[in-house]
Structure formats: C-alpha cells, structure tokens
Amino acid sequence: MKRRDFITVLVGATTWASSGYAQERRHVIGFLMGLSDALPGTLPAFYQGLKETGFVEGKNISTEFRRADGDYHRLPSLATELVARNVSVIYAYDVPSAFAAKAATTTIPIVFAVGADPVKLGLVESLSRPNGNLTGVAILLGSLGPKQLELLRELLPNSNKVALLLNPSNPNAQIDTPEIQAAADALGERLEVVTASTESELETSFTTLVRQGVHALVVKPDPLFISQRERLVTLAAHHAIPAIYSHRVYVDLGGLISYGGTVLDAFRRVGTYTGRILKGEKPADLPVQQSIKFELVINLKTAKVLGLTVPQELLARADDVIE
C-alpha cells in the first residue's frame, strides 16, 4: 500500500471511530406520558434542569417520546418499547406512566414527576431512601383535596353537597379519597364521587352531577383530565358548576379557581435528577424531592358569570387573579 493511500485509510478509520464514539456518548432519554402533550412550560423546565447538569438536547442527549393519548392501557407496551430501545433513563411524566415503567424494567433508571405520595402509591419504599431504580419529585397535588374543599366553602358558604371527579383507571384514583371524605364531613358537606375514564364519560359525569344537585366540584389531578381541560372547563361553565382544579391551566382557560403545586419548578428539578443519573448517580441514592410551593389562582370573570362574590380575604391570599 502506498503511503498516501495508507494515510487516507488511517484518517478515515479515525474519523469513523470518533463518529462512533460521539454517537455512543449521546444518551437517549425515554419520555413516557399518559397525555397526548405536555403541560405548557413543563418540557422547557425539564430541559433547563438537564442543561444545568451539562446536558443539551441534540448535543449530548436525545429524547424518544411515547405518548398514550389518554389511553392508559397503551402505557405498558410503550414502556416495553423504550426498554427494548435500551434508553439511558426513562422519564415518567405522570403516575400511570411511572407504574408502567416500573413494571417494564428493574435496571433502567426511572425518574418521575407525580401528583401523589409515591410511598403510598408503592412506587418507592421511602422518600429518603427510594431503593430500586425509581426516584423523582412528588408534587403532591392529590393530597390538596381537603384544602380545595375549604376554598370552595369560602366561595360557597351555604354549600352542603360537593362532588369529587376522578379517573378510576389511574392508580392514584382512590389514594387520597378518605382524607377528602373526612374533610367534607368536618365541613358538613355531603361528598359525591363521580368517575370518568374516557372523554365520553366526562359528558356523562356532568349529567350525573346535575342530577345529584351538587353545589361544587373538586377535579382530581389526572392526565386524561389535563388533556381534556378545555372540555372540562366548558362543561363546568355550561352546567354552571363551580369547580376547583389542581393546575392553573384550567383557570387560564376560564375555570373558576385552582390550588396546586407550582409544577414548573418541579419539572426543572426532575431534569436535574435525570442529568445526575446520566452522570452516574443511582436513583436509589437520590431522595424523592417534594414540591412545597403552592399557588392559588382565581378567575374573577368566571366567578361573576356564576354569580359568585369572591371574599376580599380570599382575593388577598391569591397568587394571581385573572380579570
């Protein structure tokens, strides 16, 4: 072989090796979610957390999305696809996704953002020492039901019958119901539980609410409800039912009131945990973080349409008032 040809072959081999190494060092994050799309701002917050730990989409990480579009029965097969893809980390966007991922693998790290207590759910052994291959952030939206009932009572002091809307297909559907029932009893409210696991069942659930003559509604956090948030707000307005939600996205669309965690900070922290795991830390050694920032948002225009007078004390406590 001539010297020039040898150098050409050597350079080509070196280039190939370098390219292969670069590809080898690009981590793939599997993104599993029960929704058809993420809540506004949550994906940028997640990527911001990754960036803070040195990982940038398209540079040294790439993301593969698997969405169930509200059909939780699809999640196990979607999780299996990500495992077969041998992703570096699975990011479980919600409770149903976390359960599907946990059932699919015991070796690939899983980072979650859930709106309920992950210990009560059985996702981890404890908050301080998760053990296993899961960790993440608990936004604890579901545990806010008693507080949400109190806020509704401030808006409707003469109420004596309130409803709780939940999705029975969600593993966290009943986990906080006893606490909500106890809070309703303490307030002298009769609590009616209505369920919906599909878009069509949402229509039926509101028909049931009207028939039962409930005065107000607590909407439990759920990926299906989030994906159908516009429909939920429209149904509540059509039937003139005051409703409280766990995310402000409902209130931005015309919902009456929300009280819940500030999810953007939580998703940023999920991103930093994902980055730390990509650098070699183990989920078992990373305590589950808890979101302790909550916000109260009130839509005064909607309150006026419903004929409600929002107490000044409640307005003063609100983090944001939409006029």
C-alpha atoms as a PDB file:
ATOM      1  CA  MET A   1       0.000   0.000   0.000  1.00  0.00           C
ATOM      2  CA  LYS A   2       1.296   3.431  -0.933  1.00  0.00           C
ATOM      3  CA  ARG A   3       1.990   5.848   1.902  1.00  0.00           C
ATOM      4  CA  ARG A   4      -0.694   8.309   0.681  1.00  0.00           C
ATOM      5  CA  ASP A   5      -3.310   5.573   0.500  1.00  0.00           C
ATOM      6  CA  PHE A   6      -2.338   4.334   3.959  1.00  0.00           C
ATOM      7  CA  ILE A   7      -2.756   7.806   5.446  1.00  0.00           C
ATOM      8  CA  THR A   8      -6.186   8.143   3.760  1.00  0.00           C
ATOM      9  CA  VAL A   9      -7.332   4.809   5.226  1.00  0.00           C
ATOM     10  CA  LEU A  10      -5.957   5.732   8.653  1.00  0.00           C
ATOM     11  CA  VAL A  11      -7.710   9.126   8.656  1.00  0.00           C
ATOM     12  CA  GLY A  12     -10.943   7.520   7.530  1.00  0.00           C
ATOM     13  CA  ALA A  13     -10.751   4.900  10.288  1.00  0.00           C
ATOM     14  CA  THR A  14     -10.024   7.558  12.871  1.00  0.00           C
ATOM     15  CA  THR A  15     -12.969   9.661  11.681  1.00  0.00           C
ATOM     16  CA  TRP A  16     -15.275   6.626  11.791  1.00  0.00           C
ATOM     17  CA  ALA A  17     -14.105   5.741  15.290  1.00  0.00           C
ATOM     18  CA  SER A  18     -14.560   9.293  16.519  1.00  0.00           C
ATOM     19  CA  SER A  19     -18.021   9.474  14.998  1.00  0.00           C
ATOM     20  CA  GLY A  20     -18.961   6.153  16.572  1.00  0.00           C
ATOM     21  CA  TYR A  21     -17.659   7.303  19.931  1.00  0.00           C
ATOM     22  CA  ALA A  22     -19.640  10.555  19.711  1.00  0.00           C
ATOM     23  CA  GLN A  23     -22.801   8.632  18.940  1.00  0.00           C
ATOM     24  CA  GLU A  24     -22.023   6.244  21.763  1.00  0.00           C
ATOM     25  CA  ARG A  25     -21.749   9.154  24.215  1.00  0.00           C
ATOM     26  CA  ARG A  26     -25.112  10.675  23.260  1.00  0.00           C
ATOM     27  CA  HIS A  27     -27.541   9.472  25.900  1.00  0.00           C
ATOM     28  CA  VAL A  28     -31.120   8.671  24.922  1.00  0.00           C
ATOM     29  CA  ILE A  29     -33.885   9.641  27.329  1.00  0.00           C
ATOM     30  CA  GLY A  30     -37.145   7.748  27.015  1.00  0.00           C
ATOM     31  CA  PHE A  31     -40.081  10.093  27.676  1.00  0.00           C
ATOM     32  CA  LEU A  32     -43.230   8.214  28.693  1.00  0.00           C
ATOM     33  CA  MET A  33     -46.532  10.005  29.244  1.00  0.00           C
ATOM     34  CA  GLY A  34     -50.224   9.245  29.529  1.00  0.00           C
ATOM     35  CA  LEU A  35     -51.113  12.555  27.871  1.00  0.00           C
ATOM     36  CA  SER A  36     -51.039  13.452  24.196  1.00  0.00           C
ATOM     37  CA  ASP A  37     -48.988  16.542  25.009  1.00  0.00           C
ATOM     38  CA  ALA A  38     -47.135  18.029  27.959  1.00  0.00           C
ATOM     39  CA  LEU A  39     -48.477  20.856  30.090  1.00  0.00           C
ATOM     40  CA  PRO A  40     -47.364  24.299  28.878  1.00  0.00           C
ATOM     41  CA  GLY A  41     -43.864  25.121  30.090  1.00  0.00           C
ATOM     42  CA  THR A  42     -43.066  21.728  31.618  1.00  0.00           C
ATOM     43  CA  LEU A  43     -40.830  20.451  28.818  1.00  0.00           C
ATOM     44  CA  PRO A  44     -38.693  23.631  28.716  1.00  0.00           C
ATOM     45  CA  ALA A  45     -38.398  23.409  32.515  1.00  0.00           C
ATOM     46  CA  PHE A  46     -37.254  19.774  32.256  1.00  0.00           C
ATOM     47  CA  TYR A  47     -34.647  20.620  29.614  1.00  0.00           C
ATOM     48  CA  GLN A  48     -33.499  23.583  31.709  1.00  0.00           C
ATOM     49  CA  GLY A  49     -32.792  21.186  34.574  1.00  0.00           C
ATOM     50  CA  LEU A  50     -30.832  18.957  32.217  1.00  0.00           C
ATOM     51  CA  LYS A  51     -28.873  21.945  30.933  1.00  0.00           C
ATOM     52  CA  GLU A  52     -27.917  22.893  34.484  1.00  0.00           C
ATOM     53  CA  THR A  53     -26.218  19.498  34.772  1.00  0.00           C
ATOM     54  CA  GLY A  54     -24.451  19.794  31.411  1.00  0.00           C
ATOM     55  CA  PHE A  55     -26.845  18.039  29.045  1.00  0.00           C
ATOM     56  CA  VAL A  56     -28.337  19.682  25.964  1.00  0.00           C
ATOM     57  CA  GLU A  57     -30.891  18.174  23.578  1.00  0.00           C
ATOM     58  CA  GLY A  58     -29.310  17.471  20.197  1.00  0.00           C
ATOM     59  CA  LYS A  59     -25.791  17.805  21.565  1.00  0.00           C
ATOM     60  CA  ASN A  60     -25.149  15.056  24.091  1.00  0.00           C
ATOM     61  CA  ILE A  61     -28.706  13.802  24.661  1.00  0.00           C
ATOM     62  CA  SER A  62     -31.715  12.954  22.531  1.00  0.00           C
ATOM     63  CA  THR A  63     -35.289  12.205  23.580  1.00  0.00           C
ATOM     64  CA  GLU A  64     -37.640   9.489  22.377  1.00  0.00           C
ATOM     65  CA  PHE A  65     -41.293  10.221  23.144  1.00  0.00           C
ATOM     66  CA  ARG A  66     -44.003   7.668  23.777  1.00  0.00           C
ATOM     67  CA  ARG A  67     -47.498   9.107  24.340  1.00  0.00           C
ATOM     68  CA  ALA A  68     -50.604   7.140  25.332  1.00  0.00           C
ATOM     69  CA  ASP A  69     -53.024   9.960  24.358  1.00  0.00           C
ATOM     70  CA  GLY A  70     -55.104   9.384  27.487  1.00  0.00           C
ATOM     71  CA  ASP A  71     -55.438   5.611  26.936  1.00  0.00           C
ATOM     72  CA  TYR A  72     -53.535   4.197  29.915  1.00  0.00           C
ATOM     73  CA  HIS A  73     -53.873   0.638  28.623  1.00  0.00           C
ATOM     74  CA  ARG A  74     -51.266   1.507  25.978  1.00  0.00           C
ATOM     75  CA  LEU A  75     -48.618   2.506  28.504  1.00  0.00           C
ATOM     76  CA  PRO A  76     -47.201  -0.988  29.255  1.00  0.00           C
ATOM     77  CA  SER A  77     -46.422  -1.640  25.586  1.00  0.00           C
ATOM     78  CA  LEU A  78     -44.988   1.854  25.158  1.00  0.00           C
ATOM     79  CA  ALA A  79     -42.759   1.324  28.203  1.00  0.00           C
ATOM     80  CA  THR A  80     -41.616  -2.003  26.764  1.00  0.00           C
ATOM     81  CA  GLU A  81     -40.652  -0.220  23.540  1.00  0.00           C
ATOM     82  CA  LEU A  82     -38.404   2.160  25.460  1.00  0.00           C
ATOM     83  CA  VAL A  83     -36.800  -0.723  27.356  1.00  0.00           C
ATOM     84  CA  ALA A  84     -36.129  -2.538  24.070  1.00  0.00           C
ATOM     85  CA  ARG A  85     -34.581   0.677  22.777  1.00  0.00           C
ATOM     86  CA  ASN A  86     -32.190   0.440  25.765  1.00  0.00           C
ATOM     87  CA  VAL A  87     -32.607   4.101  26.698  1.00  0.00           C
ATOM     88  CA  SER A  88     -30.310   5.537  29.371  1.00  0.00           C
ATOM     89  CA  VAL A  89     -33.152   6.851  31.555  1.00  0.00           C
ATOM     90  CA  ILE A  90     -36.938   6.706  31.419  1.00  0.00           C
ATOM     91  CA  TYR A  91     -38.721   9.894  32.403  1.00  0.00           C
ATOM     92  CA  ALA A  92     -42.234   9.027  33.611  1.00  0.00           C
ATOM     93  CA  TYR A  93     -44.347  12.153  33.226  1.00  0.00           C
ATOM     94  CA  ASP A  94     -47.284  11.024  35.386  1.00  0.00           C
ATOM     95  CA  VAL A  95     -48.461   8.320  37.799  1.00  0.00           C
ATOM     96  CA  PRO A  96     -49.778   5.800  35.214  1.00  0.00           C
ATOM     97  CA  SER A  97     -46.520   6.151  33.256  1.00  0.00           C
ATOM     98  CA  ALA A  98     -44.441   5.594  36.394  1.00  0.00           C
ATOM     99  CA  PHE A  99     -46.258   2.327  37.116  1.00  0.00           C
ATOM    100  CA  ALA A 100     -45.891   1.153  33.520  1.00  0.00           C
ATOM    101  CA  ALA A 101     -42.172   1.938  33.514  1.00  0.00           C
ATOM    102  CA  LYS A 102     -41.627   0.263  36.864  1.00  0.00           C
ATOM    103  CA  ALA A 103     -43.318  -2.911  35.613  1.00  0.00           C
ATOM    104  CA  ALA A 104     -41.241  -2.879  32.423  1.00  0.00           C
ATOM    105  CA  THR A 105     -37.733  -2.695  33.924  1.00  0.00           C
ATOM    106  CA  THR A 106     -35.817  -3.100  37.163  1.00  0.00           C
ATOM    107  CA  THR A 107     -32.481  -1.991  35.702  1.00  0.00           C
ATOM    108  CA  ILE A 108     -33.026   1.158  33.624  1.00  0.00           C
ATOM    109  CA  PRO A 109     -33.244   4.235  35.904  1.00  0.00           C
ATOM    110  CA  ILE A 110     -36.681   5.850  36.082  1.00  0.00           C
ATOM    111  CA  VAL A 111     -37.294   9.460  37.113  1.00  0.00           C
ATOM    112  CA  PHE A 112     -40.876  10.519  37.793  1.00  0.00           C
ATOM    113  CA  ALA A 113     -42.991  13.579  38.473  1.00  0.00           C
ATOM    114  CA  VAL A 114     -46.165  12.511  40.257  1.00  0.00           C
ATOM    115  CA  GLY A 115     -49.031  14.362  41.866  1.00  0.00           C
ATOM    116  CA  ALA A 116     -49.444  11.957  44.778  1.00  0.00           C
ATOM    117  CA  ASP A 117     -47.388  10.414  47.572  1.00  0.00           C
ATOM    118  CA  PRO A 118     -45.100   7.863  45.826  1.00  0.00           C
ATOM    119  CA  VAL A 119     -44.726   5.885  49.062  1.00  0.00           C
ATOM    120  CA  LYS A 120     -48.491   5.449  49.436  1.00  0.00           C
ATOM    121  CA  LEU A 121     -48.640   4.533  45.769  1.00  0.00           C
ATOM    122  CA  GLY A 122     -45.954   1.880  46.201  1.00  0.00           C
ATOM    123  CA  LEU A 123     -43.536   3.372  43.682  1.00  0.00           C
ATOM    124  CA  VAL A 124     -40.719   3.732  46.235  1.00  0.00           C
ATOM    125  CA  GLU A 125     -40.018   2.352  49.698  1.00  0.00           C
ATOM    126  CA  SER A 126     -39.478   5.748  51.318  1.00  0.00           C
ATOM    127  CA  LEU A 127     -38.866   9.354  50.325  1.00  0.00           C
ATOM    128  CA  SER A 128     -35.390   9.485  51.871  1.00  0.00           C
ATOM    129  CA  ARG A 129     -34.235   6.102  50.528  1.00  0.00           C
ATOM    130  CA  PRO A 130     -36.242   5.135  47.450  1.00  0.00           C
ATOM    131  CA  ASN A 131     -34.212   1.974  46.782  1.00  0.00           C
ATOM    132  CA  GLY A 132     -34.848   0.215  43.486  1.00  0.00           C
ATOM    133  CA  ASN A 133     -34.488   2.082  40.189  1.00  0.00           C
ATOM    134  CA  LEU A 134     -37.006   4.921  40.712  1.00  0.00           C
ATOM    135  CA  THR A 135     -36.797   8.414  42.146  1.00  0.00           C
ATOM    136  CA  GLY A 136     -38.123  11.844  41.275  1.00  0.00           C
ATOM    137  CA  VAL A 137     -40.312  14.666  42.513  1.00  0.00           C
ATOM    138  CA  ALA A 138     -43.659  14.406  44.302  1.00  0.00           C
ATOM    139  CA  ILE A 139     -45.790  17.453  43.552  1.00  0.00           C
ATOM    140  CA  LEU A 140     -48.437  16.149  45.985  1.00  0.00           C
ATOM    141  CA  LEU A 141     -51.371  17.626  44.100  1.00  0.00           C
ATOM    142  CA  GLY A 142     -53.728  14.843  45.116  1.00  0.00           C
ATOM    143  CA  SER A 143     -53.214  15.481  48.830  1.00  0.00           C
ATOM    144  CA  LEU A 144     -54.544  19.026  48.481  1.00  0.00           C
ATOM    145  CA  GLY A 145     -58.166  17.895  48.243  1.00  0.00           C
ATOM    146  CA  PRO A 146     -59.095  18.910  51.823  1.00  0.00           C
ATOM    147  CA  LYS A 147     -57.666  22.403  51.291  1.00  0.00           C
ATOM    148  CA  GLN A 148     -59.512  22.693  47.994  1.00  0.00           C
ATOM    149  CA  LEU A 149     -62.766  21.838  49.772  1.00  0.00           C
ATOM    150  CA  GLU A 150     -62.107  24.628  52.265  1.00  0.00           C
ATOM    151  CA  LEU A 151     -61.536  27.104  49.458  1.00  0.00           C
ATOM    152  CA  LEU A 152     -64.808  26.083  47.808  1.00  0.00           C
ATOM    153  CA  ARG A 153     -66.608  26.588  51.118  1.00  0.00           C
ATOM    154  CA  GLU A 154     -65.233  30.140  51.278  1.00  0.00           C
ATOM    155  CA  LEU A 155     -66.708  30.771  47.835  1.00  0.00           C
ATOM    156  CA  LEU A 156     -69.973  28.982  48.586  1.00  0.00           C
ATOM    157  CA  PRO A 157     -70.645  29.307  52.330  1.00  0.00           C
ATOM    158  CA  ASN A 158     -74.109  27.735  52.002  1.00  0.00           C
ATOM    159  CA  SER A 159     -72.936  24.648  50.129  1.00  0.00           C
ATOM    160  CA  ASN A 160     -73.787  21.254  51.624  1.00  0.00           C
ATOM    161  CA  LYS A 161     -73.152  18.886  48.718  1.00  0.00           C
ATOM    162  CA  VAL A 162     -69.904  18.711  46.747  1.00  0.00           C
ATOM    163  CA  ALA A 163     -68.595  16.216  44.192  1.00  0.00           C
ATOM    164  CA  LEU A 164     -65.179  14.680  43.537  1.00  0.00           C
ATOM    165  CA  LEU A 165     -64.329  13.795  39.936  1.00  0.00           C
ATOM    166  CA  LEU A 166     -61.704  11.085  39.490  1.00  0.00           C
ATOM    167  CA  ASN A 167     -60.446   8.643  36.869  1.00  0.00           C
ATOM    168  CA  PRO A 168     -60.778   5.036  38.115  1.00  0.00           C
ATOM    169  CA  SER A 169     -58.109   3.910  35.605  1.00  0.00           C
ATOM    170  CA  ASN A 170     -55.481   5.969  37.409  1.00  0.00           C
ATOM    171  CA  PRO A 171     -53.559   4.088  40.147  1.00  0.00           C
ATOM    172  CA  ASN A 172     -53.829   7.125  42.429  1.00  0.00           C
ATOM    173  CA  ALA A 173     -57.590   7.494  41.947  1.00  0.00           C
ATOM    174  CA  GLN A 174     -58.643   6.492  45.463  1.00  0.00           C
ATOM    175  CA  ILE A 175     -55.451   7.110  47.411  1.00  0.00           C
ATOM    176  CA  ASP A 176     -56.479  10.448  48.945  1.00  0.00           C
ATOM    177  CA  THR A 177     -60.251   9.954  48.918  1.00  0.00           C
ATOM    178  CA  PRO A 178     -60.509   9.070  52.647  1.00  0.00           C
ATOM    179  CA  GLU A 179     -58.839  12.372  53.590  1.00  0.00           C
ATOM    180  CA  ILE A 180     -61.172  14.288  51.270  1.00  0.00           C
ATOM    181  CA  GLN A 181     -64.175  12.476  52.742  1.00  0.00           C
ATOM    182  CA  ALA A 182     -63.032  13.340  56.263  1.00  0.00           C
ATOM    183  CA  ALA A 183     -62.636  16.993  55.270  1.00  0.00           C
ATOM    184  CA  ALA A 184     -66.112  17.021  53.733  1.00  0.00           C
ATOM    185  CA  ASP A 185     -67.582  15.519  56.915  1.00  0.00           C
ATOM    186  CA  ALA A 186     -65.850  18.174  59.022  1.00  0.00           C
ATOM    187  CA  LEU A 187     -67.341  20.910  56.833  1.00  0.00           C
ATOM    188  CA  GLY A 188     -70.796  19.354  56.910  1.00  0.00           C
ATOM    189  CA  GLU A 189     -70.635  18.600  53.190  1.00  0.00           C
ATOM    190  CA  ARG A 190     -72.057  15.514  51.559  1.00  0.00           C
ATOM    191  CA  LEU A 191     -69.417  14.155  49.182  1.00  0.00           C
ATOM    192  CA  GLU A 192     -70.495  12.529  45.915  1.00  0.00           C
ATOM    193  CA  VAL A 193     -67.837  10.660  43.915  1.00  0.00           C
ATOM    194  CA  VAL A 194     -68.218  10.614  40.132  1.00  0.00           C
ATOM    195  CA  THR A 195     -65.869   8.904  37.709  1.00  0.00           C
ATOM    196  CA  ALA A 196     -64.716   9.259  34.114  1.00  0.00           C
ATOM    197  CA  SER A 197     -62.038   7.345  32.253  1.00  0.00           C
ATOM    198  CA  THR A 198     -62.837   8.486  28.699  1.00  0.00           C
ATOM    199  CA  GLU A 199     -63.847  11.727  27.001  1.00  0.00           C
ATOM    200  CA  SER A 200     -67.413  10.493  26.501  1.00  0.00           C
ATOM    201  CA  GLU A 201     -67.677   9.582  30.178  1.00  0.00           C
ATOM    202  CA  LEU A 202     -66.858  13.176  31.076  1.00  0.00           C
ATOM    203  CA  GLU A 203     -70.132  14.202  29.447  1.00  0.00           C
ATOM    204  CA  THR A 204     -71.985  11.559  31.420  1.00  0.00           C
ATOM    205  CA  SER A 205     -70.328  12.558  34.686  1.00  0.00           C
ATOM    206  CA  PHE A 206     -71.606  16.131  34.409  1.00  0.00           C
ATOM    207  CA  THR A 207     -75.091  14.867  33.660  1.00  0.00           C
ATOM    208  CA  THR A 208     -74.814  12.895  36.900  1.00  0.00           C
ATOM    209  CA  LEU A 209     -73.614  15.964  38.797  1.00  0.00           C
ATOM    210  CA  VAL A 210     -76.620  17.971  37.663  1.00  0.00           C
ATOM    211  CA  ARG A 211     -78.999  15.156  38.560  1.00  0.00           C
ATOM    212  CA  GLN A 212     -77.467  14.869  42.022  1.00  0.00           C
ATOM    213  CA  GLY A 213     -77.765  18.611  42.565  1.00  0.00           C
ATOM    214  CA  VAL A 214     -74.186  19.192  43.715  1.00  0.00           C
ATOM    215  CA  HIS A 215     -73.154  22.740  44.560  1.00  0.00           C
ATOM    216  CA  ALA A 216     -69.463  22.482  43.621  1.00  0.00           C
ATOM    217  CA  LEU A 217     -66.850  20.154  42.159  1.00  0.00           C
ATOM    218  CA  VAL A 218     -63.281  19.128  43.011  1.00  0.00           C
ATOM    219  CA  VAL A 219     -61.412  17.807  39.945  1.00  0.00           C
ATOM    220  CA  LYS A 220     -58.729  15.337  40.976  1.00  0.00           C
ATOM    221  CA  PRO A 221     -55.374  15.585  39.145  1.00  0.00           C
ATOM    222  CA  ASP A 222     -55.263  13.198  36.198  1.00  0.00           C
ATOM    223  CA  PRO A 223     -53.530  13.089  32.787  1.00  0.00           C
ATOM    224  CA  LEU A 224     -56.833  12.456  30.986  1.00  0.00           C
ATOM    225  CA  PHE A 225     -58.457  15.453  32.633  1.00  0.00           C
ATOM    226  CA  ILE A 226     -55.444  17.603  31.765  1.00  0.00           C
ATOM    227  CA  SER A 227     -55.651  16.539  28.122  1.00  0.00           C
ATOM    228  CA  GLN A 228     -59.380  17.334  28.155  1.00  0.00           C
ATOM    229  CA  ARG A 229     -59.016  20.562  30.152  1.00  0.00           C
ATOM    230  CA  GLU A 230     -60.820  22.736  27.624  1.00  0.00           C
ATOM    231  CA  ARG A 231     -63.740  20.312  27.550  1.00  0.00           C
ATOM    232  CA  LEU A 232     -63.856  20.145  31.339  1.00  0.00           C
ATOM    233  CA  VAL A 233     -63.923  23.917  31.712  1.00  0.00           C
ATOM    234  CA  THR A 234     -66.624  24.149  29.034  1.00  0.00           C
ATOM    235  CA  LEU A 235     -68.774  21.501  30.731  1.00  0.00           C
ATOM    236  CA  ALA A 236     -68.444  23.192  34.114  1.00  0.00           C
ATOM    237  CA  ALA A 237     -69.465  26.515  32.577  1.00  0.00           C
ATOM    238  CA  HIS A 238     -72.355  25.009  30.605  1.00  0.00           C
ATOM    239  CA  HIS A 239     -73.813  23.365  33.700  1.00  0.00           C
ATOM    240  CA  ALA A 240     -72.924  26.344  35.950  1.00  0.00           C
ATOM    241  CA  ILE A 241     -70.977  24.167  38.392  1.00  0.00           C
ATOM    242  CA  PRO A 242     -68.217  25.964  40.365  1.00  0.00           C
ATOM    243  CA  ALA A 243     -65.114  23.788  40.116  1.00  0.00           C
ATOM    244  CA  ILE A 244     -61.662  23.824  41.661  1.00  0.00           C
ATOM    245  CA  TYR A 245     -58.630  22.309  39.946  1.00  0.00           C
ATOM    246  CA  SER A 246     -55.042  21.451  40.823  1.00  0.00           C
ATOM    247  CA  HIS A 247     -53.437  23.255  37.859  1.00  0.00           C
ATOM    248  CA  ARG A 248     -53.757  26.881  36.854  1.00  0.00           C
ATOM    249  CA  VAL A 249     -54.014  25.869  33.177  1.00  0.00           C
ATOM    250  CA  TYR A 250     -57.725  25.288  33.777  1.00  0.00           C
ATOM    251  CA  VAL A 251     -58.196  28.786  35.200  1.00  0.00           C
ATOM    252  CA  ASP A 252     -56.276  30.323  32.300  1.00  0.00           C
ATOM    253  CA  LEU A 253     -58.891  28.697  30.040  1.00  0.00           C
ATOM    254  CA  GLY A 254     -61.807  30.078  32.057  1.00  0.00           C
ATOM    255  CA  GLY A 255     -62.008  27.720  35.028  1.00  0.00           C
ATOM    256  CA  LEU A 256     -63.068  29.247  38.331  1.00  0.00           C
ATOM    257  CA  ILE A 257     -60.236  28.509  40.754  1.00  0.00           C
ATOM    258  CA  SER A 258     -57.136  26.368  41.172  1.00  0.00           C
ATOM    259  CA  TYR A 259     -54.925  25.453  44.077  1.00  0.00           C
ATOM    260  CA  GLY A 260     -51.880  23.291  43.491  1.00  0.00           C
ATOM    261  CA  GLY A 261     -48.144  22.987  43.221  1.00  0.00           C
ATOM    262  CA  THR A 262     -46.003  25.186  41.021  1.00  0.00           C
ATOM    263  CA  VAL A 263     -45.218  22.463  38.531  1.00  0.00           C
ATOM    264  CA  LEU A 264     -42.512  24.239  36.532  1.00  0.00           C
ATOM    265  CA  ASP A 265     -40.065  24.214  39.430  1.00  0.00           C
ATOM    266  CA  ALA A 266     -40.823  20.533  39.994  1.00  0.00           C
ATOM    267  CA  PHE A 267     -40.137  19.609  36.371  1.00  0.00           C
ATOM    268  CA  ARG A 268     -36.880  21.557  36.395  1.00  0.00           C
ATOM    269  CA  ARG A 269     -35.778  19.501  39.391  1.00  0.00           C
ATOM    270  CA  VAL A 270     -36.757  16.306  37.576  1.00  0.00           C
ATOM    271  CA  GLY A 271     -34.426  17.449  34.800  1.00  0.00           C
ATOM    272  CA  THR A 272     -31.529  17.951  37.218  1.00  0.00           C
ATOM    273  CA  TYR A 273     -32.113  14.485  38.704  1.00  0.00           C
ATOM    274  CA  THR A 274     -32.100  12.987  35.210  1.00  0.00           C
ATOM    275  CA  GLY A 275     -28.801  14.720  34.489  1.00  0.00           C
ATOM    276  CA  ARG A 276     -27.255  13.497  37.722  1.00  0.00           C
ATOM    277  CA  ILE A 277     -28.251   9.940  36.868  1.00  0.00           C
ATOM    278  CA  LEU A 278     -26.761  10.280  33.390  1.00  0.00           C
ATOM    279  CA  LYS A 279     -23.517  11.276  35.134  1.00  0.00           C
ATOM    280  CA  GLY A 280     -23.518   8.048  37.121  1.00  0.00           C
ATOM    281  CA  GLU A 281     -25.581   8.575  40.289  1.00  0.00           C
ATOM    282  CA  LYS A 282     -28.085   5.876  41.192  1.00  0.00           C
ATOM    283  CA  PRO A 283     -31.818   6.513  41.716  1.00  0.00           C
ATOM    284  CA  ALA A 284     -31.671   4.568  44.991  1.00  0.00           C
ATOM    285  CA  ASP A 285     -29.265   7.181  46.390  1.00  0.00           C
ATOM    286  CA  LEU A 286     -31.345  10.205  45.360  1.00  0.00           C
ATOM    287  CA  PRO A 287     -34.143  11.045  47.847  1.00  0.00           C
ATOM    288  CA  VAL A 288     -37.549  11.804  46.385  1.00  0.00           C
ATOM    289  CA  GLN A 289     -37.985  15.568  46.462  1.00  0.00           C
ATOM    290  CA  GLN A 290     -41.260  17.178  47.487  1.00  0.00           C
ATOM    291  CA  SER A 291     -42.748  20.255  45.895  1.00  0.00           C
ATOM    292  CA  ILE A 292     -43.596  22.681  48.687  1.00  0.00           C
ATOM    293  CA  LYS A 293     -44.547  25.694  46.575  1.00  0.00           C
ATOM    294  CA  PHE A 294     -48.281  26.120  46.028  1.00  0.00           C
ATOM    295  CA  GLU A 295     -50.283  28.752  44.205  1.00  0.00           C
ATOM    296  CA  LEU A 296     -53.870  29.924  44.355  1.00  0.00           C
ATOM    297  CA  VAL A 297     -55.336  31.342  41.135  1.00  0.00           C
ATOM    298  CA  ILE A 298     -58.833  32.818  40.790  1.00  0.00           C
ATOM    299  CA  ASN A 299     -60.734  33.820  37.665  1.00  0.00           C
ATOM    300  CA  LEU A 300     -62.923  36.774  38.650  1.00  0.00           C
ATOM    301  CA  LYS A 301     -64.683  36.877  35.288  1.00  0.00           C
ATOM    302  CA  THR A 302     -65.852  33.287  35.725  1.00  0.00           C
ATOM    303  CA  ALA A 303     -66.916  33.971  39.306  1.00  0.00           C
ATOM    304  CA  LYS A 304     -69.071  36.849  38.066  1.00  0.00           C
ATOM    305  CA  VAL A 305     -70.709  34.660  35.396  1.00  0.00           C
ATOM    306  CA  LEU A 306     -71.524  32.084  38.088  1.00  0.00           C
ATOM    307  CA  GLY A 307     -72.965  34.791  40.301  1.00  0.00           C
ATOM    308  CA  LEU A 308     -70.332  34.340  42.983  1.00  0.00           C
ATOM    309  CA  THR A 309     -68.831  37.074  45.138  1.00  0.00           C
ATOM    310  CA  VAL A 310     -65.217  36.273  45.947  1.00  0.00           C
ATOM    311  CA  PRO A 311     -64.384  37.332  49.530  1.00  0.00           C
ATOM    312  CA  GLN A 312     -61.714  40.013  49.792  1.00  0.00           C
ATOM    313  CA  GLU A 313     -59.734  37.839  52.197  1.00  0.00           C
ATOM    314  CA  LEU A 314     -59.569  35.109  49.577  1.00  0.00           C
ATOM    315  CA  LEU A 315     -58.533  37.563  46.861  1.00  0.00           C
ATOM    316  CA  ALA A 316     -55.774  38.881  49.133  1.00  0.00           C
ATOM    317  CA  ARG A 317     -54.359  35.357  49.520  1.00  0.00           C
ATOM    318  CA  ALA A 318     -54.421  34.603  45.801  1.00  0.00           C
ATOM    319  CA  ASP A 319     -51.115  34.421  43.951  1.00  0.00           C
ATOM    320  CA  ASP A 320     -52.820  35.526  40.762  1.00  0.00           C
ATOM    321  CA  VAL A 321     -56.239  36.952  39.936  1.00  0.00           C
ATOM    322  CA  ILE A 322     -57.474  36.805  36.356  1.00  0.00           C
ATOM    323  CA  GLU A 323     -59.746  39.722  35.500  1.00  0.00           C
END
